[in-house]
Amino acid sequence: MRVLLFALTLSSPAFADIHALAEAKAGGEYVLLTERCSENGQKAYIYLDDGSTEDGCWVADSRTVTIVWEESGKRRYPIEHFNLQKVTTKRVVTVQERRSW
């Protein structure tokens, strides 16, 4: 049973949620994902109306989204161009366990 569960875990695809979207001036869309990059930041991609695409990694501060594209290099975009799709809040929950012996 353990082998089967392990095999199913390995074969399950990993899905990333969309964090934010922005319209590209050339037509198409910038997509910022929640999935972590192997480098710093999180994954991003762009697809244009002409069918071209490119992957990259993004980070943001209060004013700017910085994306390091695989082919185009580092680019900065005003944060107000992006429409937030998902807000993730992490909470730390402390559980106290009582046992009677």
C-alpha atoms as a PDB file:
ATOM      1  CA  MET A   1       0.000   0.000   0.000  1.00  0.00           C
ATOM      2  CA  ARG A   2       2.833   2.409   0.859  1.00  0.00           C
ATOM      3  CA  VAL A   3       4.475   1.770  -2.514  1.00  0.00           C
ATOM      4  CA  LEU A   4       1.219   2.558  -4.303  1.00  0.00           C
ATOM      5  CA  LEU A   5       0.733   5.818  -2.375  1.00  0.00           C
ATOM      6  CA  PHE A   6       4.334   6.820  -3.056  1.00  0.00           C
ATOM      7  CA  ALA A   7       3.924   6.066  -6.778  1.00  0.00           C
ATOM      8  CA  LEU A   8       0.697   8.104  -6.929  1.00  0.00           C
ATOM      9  CA  THR A   9       2.427  11.014  -5.197  1.00  0.00           C
ATOM     10  CA  LEU A  10       5.242  10.988  -7.742  1.00  0.00           C
ATOM     11  CA  SER A  11       2.885  10.794 -10.699  1.00  0.00           C
ATOM     12  CA  SER A  12       0.559  13.587  -9.525  1.00  0.00           C
ATOM     13  CA  PRO A  13       1.164  16.829 -11.390  1.00  0.00           C
ATOM     14  CA  ALA A  14       1.926  19.945  -9.363  1.00  0.00           C
ATOM     15  CA  PHE A  15      -0.443  22.810  -9.977  1.00  0.00           C
ATOM     16  CA  ALA A  16       0.253  26.474  -9.371  1.00  0.00           C
ATOM     17  CA  ASP A  17      -2.398  29.073  -8.767  1.00  0.00           C
ATOM     18  CA  ILE A  18      -2.472  32.354 -10.619  1.00  0.00           C
ATOM     19  CA  HIS A  19      -1.458  35.196  -8.315  1.00  0.00           C
ATOM     20  CA  ALA A  20      -1.923  38.168 -10.680  1.00  0.00           C
ATOM     21  CA  LEU A  21      -2.565  39.037 -14.339  1.00  0.00           C
ATOM     22  CA  ALA A  22      -1.690  42.018 -16.525  1.00  0.00           C
ATOM     23  CA  GLU A  23      -2.496  42.866 -20.129  1.00  0.00           C
ATOM     24  CA  ALA A  24       0.521  42.984 -22.468  1.00  0.00           C
ATOM     25  CA  LYS A  25       0.799  46.052 -24.709  1.00  0.00           C
ATOM     26  CA  ALA A  26       1.476  43.819 -27.724  1.00  0.00           C
ATOM     27  CA  GLY A  27      -1.695  41.842 -26.965  1.00  0.00           C
ATOM     28  CA  GLY A  28      -1.735  38.830 -24.704  1.00  0.00           C
ATOM     29  CA  GLU A  29      -1.156  38.562 -20.990  1.00  0.00           C
ATOM     30  CA  TYR A  30       1.451  38.479 -18.235  1.00  0.00           C
ATOM     31  CA  VAL A  31       0.727  35.745 -15.690  1.00  0.00           C
ATOM     32  CA  LEU A  32       2.301  35.672 -12.218  1.00  0.00           C
ATOM     33  CA  LEU A  33       2.050  32.295 -10.486  1.00  0.00           C
ATOM     34  CA  THR A  34       2.223  31.248  -6.836  1.00  0.00           C
ATOM     35  CA  GLU A  35       4.718  28.446  -7.577  1.00  0.00           C
ATOM     36  CA  ARG A  36       8.296  29.044  -6.416  1.00  0.00           C
ATOM     37  CA  CYS A  37      11.147  29.317  -8.933  1.00  0.00           C
ATOM     38  CA  SER A  38      14.321  27.319  -8.460  1.00  0.00           C
ATOM     39  CA  GLU A  39      16.035  30.719  -8.168  1.00  0.00           C
ATOM     40  CA  ASN A  40      14.579  33.591  -6.132  1.00  0.00           C
ATOM     41  CA  GLY A  41      10.959  34.548  -6.604  1.00  0.00           C
ATOM     42  CA  GLN A  42       7.974  32.850  -8.131  1.00  0.00           C
ATOM     43  CA  LYS A  43       7.232  31.614 -11.636  1.00  0.00           C
ATOM     44  CA  ALA A  44       5.824  33.863 -14.353  1.00  0.00           C
ATOM     45  CA  TYR A  45       5.044  33.573 -18.022  1.00  0.00           C
ATOM     46  CA  ILE A  46       3.829  35.750 -20.842  1.00  0.00           C
ATOM     47  CA  TYR A  47       1.897  34.738 -23.910  1.00  0.00           C
ATOM     48  CA  LEU A  48       1.375  37.141 -26.755  1.00  0.00           C
ATOM     49  CA  ASP A  49      -1.316  37.220 -29.430  1.00  0.00           C
ATOM     50  CA  ASP A  50       1.276  36.203 -32.048  1.00  0.00           C
ATOM     51  CA  GLY A  51       1.684  32.850 -30.244  1.00  0.00           C
ATOM     52  CA  SER A  52       5.063  33.547 -28.638  1.00  0.00           C
ATOM     53  CA  THR A  53       5.622  32.744 -24.958  1.00  0.00           C
ATOM     54  CA  GLU A  54       8.390  33.173 -22.423  1.00  0.00           C
ATOM     55  CA  ASP A  55       8.981  31.971 -18.861  1.00  0.00           C
ATOM     56  CA  GLY A  56      10.541  33.880 -16.007  1.00  0.00           C
ATOM     57  CA  CYS A  57      10.686  34.486 -12.250  1.00  0.00           C
ATOM     58  CA  TRP A  58       9.076  37.449 -10.486  1.00  0.00           C
ATOM     59  CA  VAL A  59       9.370  39.379  -7.235  1.00  0.00           C
ATOM     60  CA  ALA A  60       7.412  42.465  -6.159  1.00  0.00           C
ATOM     61  CA  ASP A  61       7.659  45.375  -3.785  1.00  0.00           C
ATOM     62  CA  SER A  62       5.016  48.008  -3.035  1.00  0.00           C
ATOM     63  CA  ARG A  63       5.515  49.765  -6.414  1.00  0.00           C
ATOM     64  CA  THR A  64       7.101  47.400  -8.920  1.00  0.00           C
ATOM     65  CA  VAL A  65       6.932  43.845 -10.239  1.00  0.00           C
ATOM     66  CA  THR A  66      10.383  42.727 -11.393  1.00  0.00           C
ATOM     67  CA  ILE A  67      10.520  39.753 -13.763  1.00  0.00           C
ATOM     68  CA  VAL A  68      13.706  38.064 -14.925  1.00  0.00           C
ATOM     69  CA  TRP A  69      12.769  36.531 -18.278  1.00  0.00           C
ATOM     70  CA  GLU A  70      14.713  33.554 -19.639  1.00  0.00           C
ATOM     71  CA  GLU A  71      15.426  35.295 -22.958  1.00  0.00           C
ATOM     72  CA  SER A  72      14.633  38.988 -22.467  1.00  0.00           C
ATOM     73  CA  GLY A  73      16.453  39.502 -19.168  1.00  0.00           C
ATOM     74  CA  LYS A  74      15.296  41.664 -16.246  1.00  0.00           C
ATOM     75  CA  ARG A  75      12.272  43.951 -16.738  1.00  0.00           C
ATOM     76  CA  ARG A  76      10.311  46.105 -14.290  1.00  0.00           C
ATOM     77  CA  TYR A  77       6.571  46.826 -14.480  1.00  0.00           C
ATOM     78  CA  PRO A  78       4.341  49.156 -12.401  1.00  0.00           C
ATOM     79  CA  ILE A  79       2.464  47.051  -9.866  1.00  0.00           C
ATOM     80  CA  GLU A  80      -0.838  48.822 -10.599  1.00  0.00           C
ATOM     81  CA  HIS A  81      -0.932  47.163 -14.055  1.00  0.00           C
ATOM     82  CA  PHE A  82      -1.440  43.766 -12.389  1.00  0.00           C
ATOM     83  CA  ASN A  83      -4.838  42.543 -11.210  1.00  0.00           C
ATOM     84  CA  LEU A  84      -4.489  40.450  -8.080  1.00  0.00           C
ATOM     85  CA  GLN A  85      -6.261  37.115  -8.489  1.00  0.00           C
ATOM     86  CA  LYS A  86      -5.517  35.409  -5.191  1.00  0.00           C
ATOM     87  CA  VAL A  87      -4.475  36.507  -1.746  1.00  0.00           C
ATOM     88  CA  THR A  88      -2.883  33.859   0.418  1.00  0.00           C
ATOM     89  CA  THR A  89      -2.710  34.385   4.154  1.00  0.00           C
ATOM     90  CA  LYS A  90      -0.721  31.994   6.269  1.00  0.00           C
ATOM     91  CA  ARG A  91      -1.663  31.491   9.898  1.00  0.00           C
ATOM     92  CA  VAL A  92       0.251  29.742  12.600  1.00  0.00           C
ATOM     93  CA  VAL A  93      -2.003  27.647  14.771  1.00  0.00           C
ATOM     94  CA  THR A  94      -0.794  26.325  18.095  1.00  0.00           C
ATOM     95  CA  VAL A  95      -2.431  23.157  19.313  1.00  0.00           C
ATOM     96  CA  GLN A  96      -2.044  22.013  22.902  1.00  0.00           C
ATOM     97  CA  GLU A  97      -2.579  18.355  23.484  1.00  0.00           C
ATOM     98  CA  ARG A  98      -3.747  16.979  26.818  1.00  0.00           C
ATOM     99  CA  ARG A  99      -3.401  13.347  27.626  1.00  0.00           C
ATOM    100  CA  SER A 100      -4.755  11.450  30.556  1.00  0.00           C
ATOM    101  CA  TRP A 101      -2.666   8.522  31.675  1.00  0.00           C
END
